[in-house]
């Protein structure tokens, strides 16, 4: 399985970079996981609704350039479906079983994802109704992917 994480913005905090590197290393026996940082659109706050739409549209164009037609795309949005770790593991297992070996998870920037990216997504996933920094979600996603592979292989880690 090849998993791509398309994330708007760079990780600035060293503890997040260290956590991401740790989970990428842990995931390496299970899947090829690649994180691609998408350039964040520069904007001066406060922004109007039209300016926010312009920002997300430009970031969305950059995201869409990295997706191939055969990539199963999962957007991370508050309005998405909240799954348990076991259900996420099962969902990933089902994708692999039915030939979806290229998966992209998309994490938007401060203003979320453009309408074009949300429409391109095959599935919308939510980790919570709470709002988290998009940089932190990258680490949480990697941990949940690692947990999913451990669950699917019946290995210890998940409790």
N, C-alpha and C. Protein backbone atom coordinates (compact mmCIF):
# COMPACT_ATOMS: atom_id res chain seq x y z
N UNK A 1 0.84 -1.18 0.00
CA UNK A 1 0.00 0.00 0.00
C UNK A 1 0.89 1.24 0.00
N UNK A 2 0.51 2.21 -0.79
CA UNK A 2 1.23 3.49 -0.83
C UNK A 2 0.29 4.56 -0.29
N UNK A 3 0.72 5.20 0.78
CA UNK A 3 -0.08 6.23 1.42
C UNK A 3 0.65 7.55 1.30
N UNK A 4 -0.10 8.52 0.82
CA UNK A 4 0.42 9.86 0.66
C UNK A 4 -0.36 10.77 1.61
N UNK A 5 0.35 11.59 2.34
CA UNK A 5 -0.30 12.59 3.18
C UNK A 5 0.04 13.94 2.58
N UNK A 6 -0.98 14.61 2.08
CA UNK A 6 -0.81 15.94 1.51
C UNK A 6 -1.27 16.93 2.56
N UNK A 7 -0.33 17.70 3.08
CA UNK A 7 -0.62 18.59 4.20
C UNK A 7 -0.21 20.02 3.85
N UNK A 8 -1.14 20.94 4.02
CA UNK A 8 -0.85 22.35 3.75
C UNK A 8 -0.01 22.89 4.91
N UNK A 9 1.10 23.52 4.57
CA UNK A 9 1.95 24.16 5.57
C UNK A 9 3.10 23.29 6.02
N UNK A 10 4.07 23.94 6.64
CA UNK A 10 5.26 23.26 7.15
C UNK A 10 5.11 23.06 8.66
N UNK A 11 5.74 22.00 9.14
CA UNK A 11 5.80 21.80 10.59
C UNK A 11 6.90 22.69 11.14
N UNK A 12 6.53 23.56 12.05
CA UNK A 12 7.52 24.48 12.63
C UNK A 12 8.07 23.97 13.95
N UNK A 13 7.23 23.30 14.73
CA UNK A 13 7.64 22.85 16.05
C UNK A 13 8.47 21.58 15.96
N UNK A 14 9.61 21.58 16.65
CA UNK A 14 10.51 20.43 16.58
C UNK A 14 9.87 19.17 17.16
N UNK A 15 9.06 19.30 18.21
CA UNK A 15 8.44 18.10 18.80
C UNK A 15 7.47 17.45 17.82
N UNK A 16 6.80 18.22 16.98
CA UNK A 16 5.91 17.64 15.97
C UNK A 16 6.73 16.96 14.88
N UNK A 17 7.81 17.59 14.45
CA UNK A 17 8.67 16.98 13.42
C UNK A 17 9.24 15.66 13.93
N UNK A 18 9.66 15.63 15.19
CA UNK A 18 10.20 14.40 15.77
C UNK A 18 9.14 13.31 15.84
N UNK A 19 7.91 13.67 16.23
CA UNK A 19 6.83 12.70 16.29
C UNK A 19 6.48 12.15 14.93
N UNK A 20 6.42 13.02 13.93
CA UNK A 20 6.14 12.58 12.56
C UNK A 20 7.21 11.63 12.07
N UNK A 21 8.46 11.96 12.28
CA UNK A 21 9.57 11.08 11.86
C UNK A 21 9.49 9.73 12.57
N UNK A 22 9.16 9.74 13.85
CA UNK A 22 9.03 8.49 14.60
C UNK A 22 7.96 7.60 13.99
N UNK A 23 6.78 8.15 13.72
CA UNK A 23 5.71 7.31 13.17
C UNK A 23 5.97 6.92 11.72
N UNK A 24 6.63 7.76 10.95
CA UNK A 24 6.99 7.35 9.59
C UNK A 24 7.93 6.14 9.65
N UNK A 25 8.86 6.16 10.59
CA UNK A 25 9.77 5.03 10.77
C UNK A 25 9.00 3.77 11.19
N UNK A 26 8.09 3.93 12.15
CA UNK A 26 7.29 2.79 12.62
C UNK A 26 6.42 2.20 11.50
N UNK A 27 5.94 3.06 10.61
CA UNK A 27 5.06 2.61 9.52
C UNK A 27 5.81 1.93 8.38
N UNK A 28 7.11 2.14 8.29
CA UNK A 28 7.86 1.66 7.12
C UNK A 28 7.76 0.15 6.86
N UNK A 29 7.62 -0.72 7.88
CA UNK A 29 7.45 -2.14 7.54
C UNK A 29 6.07 -2.47 6.96
N UNK A 30 5.11 -1.59 7.11
CA UNK A 30 3.73 -1.88 6.72
C UNK A 30 3.31 -1.27 5.39
N UNK A 31 3.81 -0.08 5.11
CA UNK A 31 3.38 0.63 3.90
C UNK A 31 4.41 1.70 3.56
N UNK A 32 4.37 2.11 2.31
CA UNK A 32 5.18 3.25 1.91
C UNK A 32 4.36 4.50 2.21
N UNK A 33 4.81 5.28 3.16
CA UNK A 33 4.08 6.48 3.57
C UNK A 33 4.95 7.69 3.28
N UNK A 34 4.36 8.63 2.57
CA UNK A 34 5.08 9.83 2.16
C UNK A 34 4.27 11.05 2.59
N UNK A 35 4.94 12.03 3.19
CA UNK A 35 4.30 13.29 3.56
C UNK A 35 4.78 14.35 2.59
N UNK A 36 3.83 15.00 1.93
CA UNK A 36 4.16 16.11 1.04
C UNK A 36 3.56 17.37 1.63
N UNK A 37 4.43 18.34 1.87
CA UNK A 37 3.96 19.62 2.37
C UNK A 37 3.59 20.51 1.20
N UNK A 38 2.38 21.01 1.25
CA UNK A 38 1.85 21.89 0.22
C UNK A 38 2.02 23.33 0.70
N UNK A 39 2.52 24.18 -0.16
CA UNK A 39 2.76 25.58 0.23
C UNK A 39 1.47 26.24 0.71
N UNK A 40 1.59 26.90 1.84
CA UNK A 40 0.47 27.64 2.41
C UNK A 40 0.38 28.99 1.70
N UNK A 41 -0.80 29.38 1.33
CA UNK A 41 -1.01 30.66 0.65
C UNK A 41 -0.81 31.79 1.65
N UNK A 42 -0.04 32.78 1.26
CA UNK A 42 0.20 33.93 2.12
C UNK A 42 -1.02 34.85 2.11
N UNK A 43 -1.39 35.31 3.28
CA UNK A 43 -2.53 36.22 3.40
C UNK A 43 -2.39 37.02 4.68
N UNK A 44 -2.87 38.25 4.65
CA UNK A 44 -2.82 39.11 5.82
C UNK A 44 -4.20 39.13 6.46
N UNK A 45 -4.23 38.79 7.74
CA UNK A 45 -5.51 38.73 8.46
C UNK A 45 -5.88 40.12 8.96
N UNK A 46 -7.14 40.39 9.17
CA UNK A 46 -8.28 39.49 9.01
C UNK A 46 -8.69 39.37 7.55
N UNK A 47 -9.24 38.21 7.19
CA UNK A 47 -9.65 37.95 5.81
C UNK A 47 -11.17 37.99 5.67
N UNK A 48 -11.62 38.44 4.53
CA UNK A 48 -13.04 38.37 4.22
C UNK A 48 -13.35 36.96 3.74
N UNK A 49 -14.62 36.63 3.64
CA UNK A 49 -15.01 35.31 3.12
C UNK A 49 -14.46 35.09 1.71
N UNK A 50 -14.48 36.12 0.88
CA UNK A 50 -13.97 36.00 -0.49
C UNK A 50 -12.47 35.74 -0.48
N UNK A 51 -11.74 36.39 0.43
CA UNK A 51 -10.29 36.17 0.52
C UNK A 51 -9.98 34.77 1.03
N UNK A 52 -10.76 34.28 1.98
CA UNK A 52 -10.59 32.92 2.48
C UNK A 52 -10.81 31.92 1.35
N UNK A 53 -11.84 32.14 0.55
CA UNK A 53 -12.13 31.26 -0.58
C UNK A 53 -10.97 31.28 -1.58
N UNK A 54 -10.39 32.48 -1.81
CA UNK A 54 -9.24 32.59 -2.72
C UNK A 54 -8.05 31.80 -2.18
N UNK A 55 -7.80 31.91 -0.88
CA UNK A 55 -6.70 31.19 -0.24
C UNK A 55 -6.89 29.68 -0.37
N UNK A 56 -8.07 29.20 0.01
CA UNK A 56 -8.31 27.75 -0.06
C UNK A 56 -8.32 27.25 -1.50
N UNK A 57 -8.81 28.05 -2.42
CA UNK A 57 -8.80 27.65 -3.84
C UNK A 57 -7.37 27.49 -4.35
N UNK A 58 -6.50 28.41 -4.00
CA UNK A 58 -5.11 28.32 -4.47
C UNK A 58 -4.40 27.13 -3.82
N UNK A 59 -4.63 26.94 -2.53
CA UNK A 59 -4.04 25.77 -1.87
C UNK A 59 -4.62 24.49 -2.47
N UNK A 60 -5.91 24.51 -2.77
CA UNK A 60 -6.57 23.36 -3.37
C UNK A 60 -5.99 22.99 -4.73
N UNK A 61 -5.67 23.99 -5.54
CA UNK A 61 -5.05 23.73 -6.84
C UNK A 61 -3.72 23.01 -6.64
N UNK A 62 -2.96 23.43 -5.65
CA UNK A 62 -1.67 22.79 -5.37
C UNK A 62 -1.86 21.35 -4.90
N UNK A 63 -2.87 21.13 -4.10
CA UNK A 63 -3.17 19.77 -3.61
C UNK A 63 -3.54 18.87 -4.77
N UNK A 64 -4.47 19.32 -5.60
CA UNK A 64 -5.00 18.49 -6.69
C UNK A 64 -3.92 18.08 -7.68
N UNK A 65 -2.88 18.88 -7.82
CA UNK A 65 -1.77 18.53 -8.73
C UNK A 65 -1.06 17.24 -8.32
N UNK A 66 -1.15 16.88 -7.05
CA UNK A 66 -0.45 15.70 -6.54
C UNK A 66 -1.30 14.42 -6.60
N UNK A 67 -2.53 14.54 -7.03
CA UNK A 67 -3.43 13.38 -7.05
C UNK A 67 -3.53 12.80 -8.45
N UNK A 68 -3.44 11.49 -8.54
CA UNK A 68 -3.66 10.81 -9.81
C UNK A 68 -5.09 10.28 -9.82
N UNK A 69 -5.64 9.99 -10.99
CA UNK A 69 -7.02 9.50 -11.05
C UNK A 69 -7.28 8.23 -10.26
N UNK A 70 -6.26 7.38 -10.09
CA UNK A 70 -6.45 6.12 -9.38
C UNK A 70 -6.22 6.23 -7.87
N UNK A 71 -5.98 7.43 -7.38
CA UNK A 71 -5.73 7.62 -5.95
C UNK A 71 -7.05 7.75 -5.21
N UNK A 72 -7.23 6.89 -4.21
CA UNK A 72 -8.40 6.99 -3.32
C UNK A 72 -8.08 8.09 -2.33
N UNK A 73 -8.95 9.09 -2.27
CA UNK A 73 -8.66 10.30 -1.53
C UNK A 73 -9.56 10.44 -0.31
N UNK A 74 -8.93 10.69 0.83
CA UNK A 74 -9.64 10.88 2.09
C UNK A 74 -9.31 12.27 2.61
N UNK A 75 -10.32 13.12 2.71
CA UNK A 75 -10.10 14.46 3.25
C UNK A 75 -10.36 14.44 4.76
N UNK A 76 -9.56 15.17 5.48
CA UNK A 76 -9.75 15.29 6.93
C UNK A 76 -10.46 16.62 7.19
N UNK A 77 -11.72 16.51 7.57
CA UNK A 77 -12.56 17.70 7.81
C UNK A 77 -13.44 17.46 9.03
N UNK A 78 -13.75 18.52 9.73
CA UNK A 78 -14.58 18.41 10.93
C UNK A 78 -15.93 17.78 10.59
N UNK A 79 -16.46 18.08 9.41
CA UNK A 79 -17.79 17.59 9.01
C UNK A 79 -17.76 16.14 8.53
N UNK A 80 -16.60 15.51 8.52
CA UNK A 80 -16.49 14.14 8.03
C UNK A 80 -17.05 13.13 9.01
N UNK A 81 -16.90 11.86 8.65
CA UNK A 81 -17.38 10.75 9.46
C UNK A 81 -16.35 10.45 10.55
N UNK A 82 -16.80 10.38 11.79
CA UNK A 82 -15.92 10.02 12.90
C UNK A 82 -15.92 8.50 13.04
N UNK A 83 -14.74 7.91 13.02
CA UNK A 83 -14.60 6.46 13.11
C UNK A 83 -13.82 6.08 14.36
N UNK A 84 -14.07 4.89 14.84
CA UNK A 84 -13.21 4.33 15.88
C UNK A 84 -11.92 3.88 15.21
N UNK A 85 -10.90 3.62 16.01
CA UNK A 85 -9.64 3.12 15.45
C UNK A 85 -9.85 1.79 14.74
N UNK A 86 -10.69 0.93 15.31
CA UNK A 86 -10.96 -0.37 14.70
C UNK A 86 -11.67 -0.22 13.36
N UNK A 87 -12.60 0.72 13.28
CA UNK A 87 -13.33 0.93 12.03
C UNK A 87 -12.43 1.52 10.96
N UNK A 88 -11.54 2.44 11.35
CA UNK A 88 -10.58 2.98 10.39
C UNK A 88 -9.68 1.86 9.88
N UNK A 89 -9.22 1.01 10.78
CA UNK A 89 -8.37 -0.13 10.38
C UNK A 89 -9.11 -1.02 9.38
N UNK A 90 -10.36 -1.30 9.66
CA UNK A 90 -11.17 -2.12 8.77
C UNK A 90 -11.36 -1.43 7.41
N UNK A 91 -11.60 -0.14 7.43
CA UNK A 91 -11.78 0.62 6.19
C UNK A 91 -10.51 0.53 5.32
N UNK A 92 -9.35 0.71 5.94
CA UNK A 92 -8.09 0.62 5.20
C UNK A 92 -7.88 -0.79 4.67
N UNK A 93 -8.23 -1.79 5.46
CA UNK A 93 -8.11 -3.19 5.04
C UNK A 93 -9.01 -3.47 3.84
N UNK A 94 -10.22 -2.95 3.88
CA UNK A 94 -11.16 -3.13 2.77
C UNK A 94 -10.65 -2.45 1.50
N UNK A 95 -10.08 -1.26 1.64
CA UNK A 95 -9.52 -0.57 0.47
C UNK A 95 -8.44 -1.41 -0.17
N UNK A 96 -7.54 -1.96 0.64
CA UNK A 96 -6.46 -2.80 0.11
C UNK A 96 -7.02 -4.06 -0.54
N UNK A 97 -8.03 -4.65 0.09
CA UNK A 97 -8.63 -5.88 -0.44
C UNK A 97 -9.24 -5.66 -1.82
N UNK A 98 -9.84 -4.48 -2.01
CA UNK A 98 -10.52 -4.19 -3.28
C UNK A 98 -9.66 -3.39 -4.24
N UNK A 99 -8.34 -3.46 -4.07
CA UNK A 99 -7.43 -2.92 -5.06
C UNK A 99 -7.13 -1.44 -4.98
N UNK A 100 -7.49 -0.80 -3.90
CA UNK A 100 -7.18 0.62 -3.73
C UNK A 100 -5.85 0.71 -2.98
N UNK A 101 -4.76 0.58 -3.71
CA UNK A 101 -3.45 0.54 -3.06
C UNK A 101 -2.79 1.91 -2.97
N UNK A 102 -3.36 2.90 -3.65
CA UNK A 102 -2.86 4.28 -3.57
C UNK A 102 -3.91 5.10 -2.82
N UNK A 103 -3.52 5.58 -1.64
CA UNK A 103 -4.43 6.35 -0.81
C UNK A 103 -3.77 7.67 -0.46
N UNK A 104 -4.54 8.74 -0.54
CA UNK A 104 -4.05 10.06 -0.13
C UNK A 104 -4.97 10.61 0.95
N UNK A 105 -4.36 11.04 2.03
CA UNK A 105 -5.06 11.75 3.08
C UNK A 105 -4.73 13.23 2.89
N UNK A 106 -5.75 14.07 2.96
CA UNK A 106 -5.54 15.49 2.71
C UNK A 106 -5.87 16.29 3.97
N UNK A 107 -4.89 17.08 4.39
CA UNK A 107 -5.03 17.95 5.55
C UNK A 107 -4.91 19.39 5.06
N UNK A 108 -5.96 20.15 5.22
CA UNK A 108 -5.96 21.54 4.78
C UNK A 108 -5.17 22.45 5.70
N UNK A 109 -5.12 23.70 5.32
CA UNK A 109 -4.44 24.71 6.12
C UNK A 109 -5.37 25.33 7.14
N UNK A 110 -5.02 26.50 7.59
CA UNK A 110 -5.78 27.19 8.64
C UNK A 110 -7.24 27.43 8.27
N UNK A 111 -7.52 27.57 7.00
CA UNK A 111 -8.88 27.86 6.56
C UNK A 111 -9.59 26.65 5.96
N UNK A 112 -9.00 25.48 6.10
CA UNK A 112 -9.64 24.26 5.62
C UNK A 112 -9.32 23.96 4.18
N UNK A 113 -10.24 23.22 3.55
CA UNK A 113 -10.05 22.75 2.17
C UNK A 113 -11.00 23.45 1.22
N UNK A 114 -10.57 23.60 -0.01
CA UNK A 114 -11.41 24.20 -1.04
C UNK A 114 -12.57 23.27 -1.40
N UNK A 115 -13.57 23.83 -2.00
CA UNK A 115 -14.72 23.05 -2.45
C UNK A 115 -14.28 21.99 -3.47
N UNK A 116 -13.33 22.33 -4.35
CA UNK A 116 -12.86 21.38 -5.37
C UNK A 116 -12.20 20.17 -4.71
N UNK A 117 -11.41 20.39 -3.67
CA UNK A 117 -10.74 19.29 -2.99
C UNK A 117 -11.78 18.44 -2.25
N UNK A 118 -12.73 19.10 -1.58
CA UNK A 118 -13.76 18.34 -0.86
C UNK A 118 -14.59 17.49 -1.83
N UNK A 119 -14.85 18.01 -3.03
CA UNK A 119 -15.62 17.23 -4.01
C UNK A 119 -14.79 16.10 -4.59
N UNK A 120 -13.48 16.27 -4.69
CA UNK A 120 -12.61 15.22 -5.23
C UNK A 120 -12.46 14.05 -4.26
N UNK A 121 -12.66 14.31 -2.98
CA UNK A 121 -12.47 13.28 -1.97
C UNK A 121 -13.45 12.14 -2.13
N UNK A 122 -12.94 10.93 -2.00
CA UNK A 122 -13.79 9.74 -2.02
C UNK A 122 -14.43 9.50 -0.66
N UNK A 123 -13.83 10.06 0.37
CA UNK A 123 -14.30 9.85 1.74
C UNK A 123 -13.87 11.05 2.57
N UNK A 124 -14.72 11.45 3.50
CA UNK A 124 -14.38 12.55 4.42
C UNK A 124 -14.33 12.00 5.83
N UNK A 125 -13.20 12.20 6.48
CA UNK A 125 -12.94 11.66 7.80
C UNK A 125 -12.79 12.79 8.80
N UNK A 126 -13.34 12.59 9.98
CA UNK A 126 -13.18 13.55 11.07
C UNK A 126 -12.57 12.85 12.27
N UNK A 127 -11.58 13.47 12.89
CA UNK A 127 -11.02 12.93 14.12
C UNK A 127 -11.77 13.43 15.34
N UNK A 128 -12.54 14.50 15.17
CA UNK A 128 -13.28 15.05 16.30
C UNK A 128 -14.12 16.22 15.81
N UNK A 129 -15.11 16.57 16.58
CA UNK A 129 -15.87 17.79 16.31
C UNK A 129 -15.09 19.01 16.81
N UNK A 130 -14.05 18.75 17.61
CA UNK A 130 -13.20 19.84 18.09
C UNK A 130 -12.27 20.31 16.97
N UNK A 131 -11.79 21.52 17.09
CA UNK A 131 -10.83 22.07 16.15
C UNK A 131 -9.43 21.84 16.69
N UNK A 132 -8.55 21.28 15.84
CA UNK A 132 -7.15 21.07 16.19
C UNK A 132 -6.27 21.83 15.21
N UNK A 133 -5.07 22.20 15.62
CA UNK A 133 -4.13 22.78 14.66
C UNK A 133 -3.84 21.76 13.56
N UNK A 134 -3.80 22.22 12.31
CA UNK A 134 -3.58 21.27 11.21
C UNK A 134 -2.22 20.58 11.32
N UNK A 135 -1.24 21.21 11.96
CA UNK A 135 0.06 20.56 12.14
C UNK A 135 -0.06 19.36 13.09
N UNK A 136 -0.86 19.50 14.13
CA UNK A 136 -1.04 18.42 15.10
C UNK A 136 -1.80 17.24 14.48
N UNK A 137 -2.75 17.54 13.61
CA UNK A 137 -3.54 16.48 12.95
C UNK A 137 -2.62 15.56 12.14
N UNK A 138 -1.57 16.10 11.57
CA UNK A 138 -0.63 15.27 10.80
C UNK A 138 -0.06 14.16 11.69
N UNK A 139 0.34 14.52 12.90
CA UNK A 139 0.89 13.54 13.83
C UNK A 139 -0.19 12.55 14.28
N UNK A 140 -1.37 13.05 14.58
CA UNK A 140 -2.47 12.18 15.00
C UNK A 140 -2.82 11.19 13.90
N UNK A 141 -2.86 11.65 12.65
CA UNK A 141 -3.15 10.76 11.52
C UNK A 141 -2.11 9.66 11.42
N UNK A 142 -0.85 10.01 11.51
CA UNK A 142 0.20 8.99 11.40
C UNK A 142 0.09 7.96 12.52
N UNK A 143 -0.22 8.42 13.73
CA UNK A 143 -0.38 7.49 14.84
C UNK A 143 -1.55 6.54 14.57
N UNK A 144 -2.65 7.07 14.05
CA UNK A 144 -3.82 6.23 13.76
C UNK A 144 -3.56 5.27 12.61
N UNK A 145 -2.77 5.67 11.64
CA UNK A 145 -2.39 4.74 10.56
C UNK A 145 -1.55 3.60 11.13
N UNK A 146 -0.60 3.93 11.98
CA UNK A 146 0.23 2.90 12.62
C UNK A 146 -0.66 1.96 13.43
N UNK A 147 -1.56 2.52 14.21
CA UNK A 147 -2.48 1.71 15.02
C UNK A 147 -3.32 0.81 14.11
N UNK A 148 -3.78 1.32 12.98
CA UNK A 148 -4.59 0.54 12.05
C UNK A 148 -3.83 -0.67 11.52
N UNK A 149 -2.58 -0.47 11.14
CA UNK A 149 -1.79 -1.60 10.64
C UNK A 149 -1.56 -2.63 11.73
N UNK A 150 -1.32 -2.18 12.95
CA UNK A 150 -1.13 -3.11 14.07
C UNK A 150 -2.42 -3.89 14.33
N UNK A 151 -3.56 -3.21 14.30
CA UNK A 151 -4.85 -3.89 14.50
C UNK A 151 -5.05 -4.94 13.41
N UNK A 152 -4.84 -4.55 12.15
CA UNK A 152 -5.09 -5.46 11.04
C UNK A 152 -4.17 -6.67 11.03
N UNK A 153 -3.02 -6.53 11.63
CA UNK A 153 -2.08 -7.66 11.69
C UNK A 153 -2.18 -8.43 13.01
N UNK A 154 -3.06 -7.99 13.88
CA UNK A 154 -3.22 -8.67 15.16
C UNK A 154 -2.02 -8.52 16.07
N UNK A 155 -1.26 -7.47 15.88
CA UNK A 155 -0.06 -7.23 16.69
C UNK A 155 -0.40 -6.38 17.91
N UNK A 156 0.40 -6.53 18.94
CA UNK A 156 0.15 -5.74 20.15
C UNK A 156 0.52 -4.28 19.91
N UNK A 157 -0.24 -3.42 20.47
CA UNK A 157 -0.07 -1.97 20.48
C UNK A 157 -1.41 -1.38 20.85
N UNK A 158 -2.43 -1.80 20.12
CA UNK A 158 -3.76 -1.27 20.32
C UNK A 158 -4.38 -1.83 21.59
N UNK A 159 -5.04 -0.96 22.34
CA UNK A 159 -5.74 -1.40 23.55
C UNK A 159 -7.16 -0.91 23.51
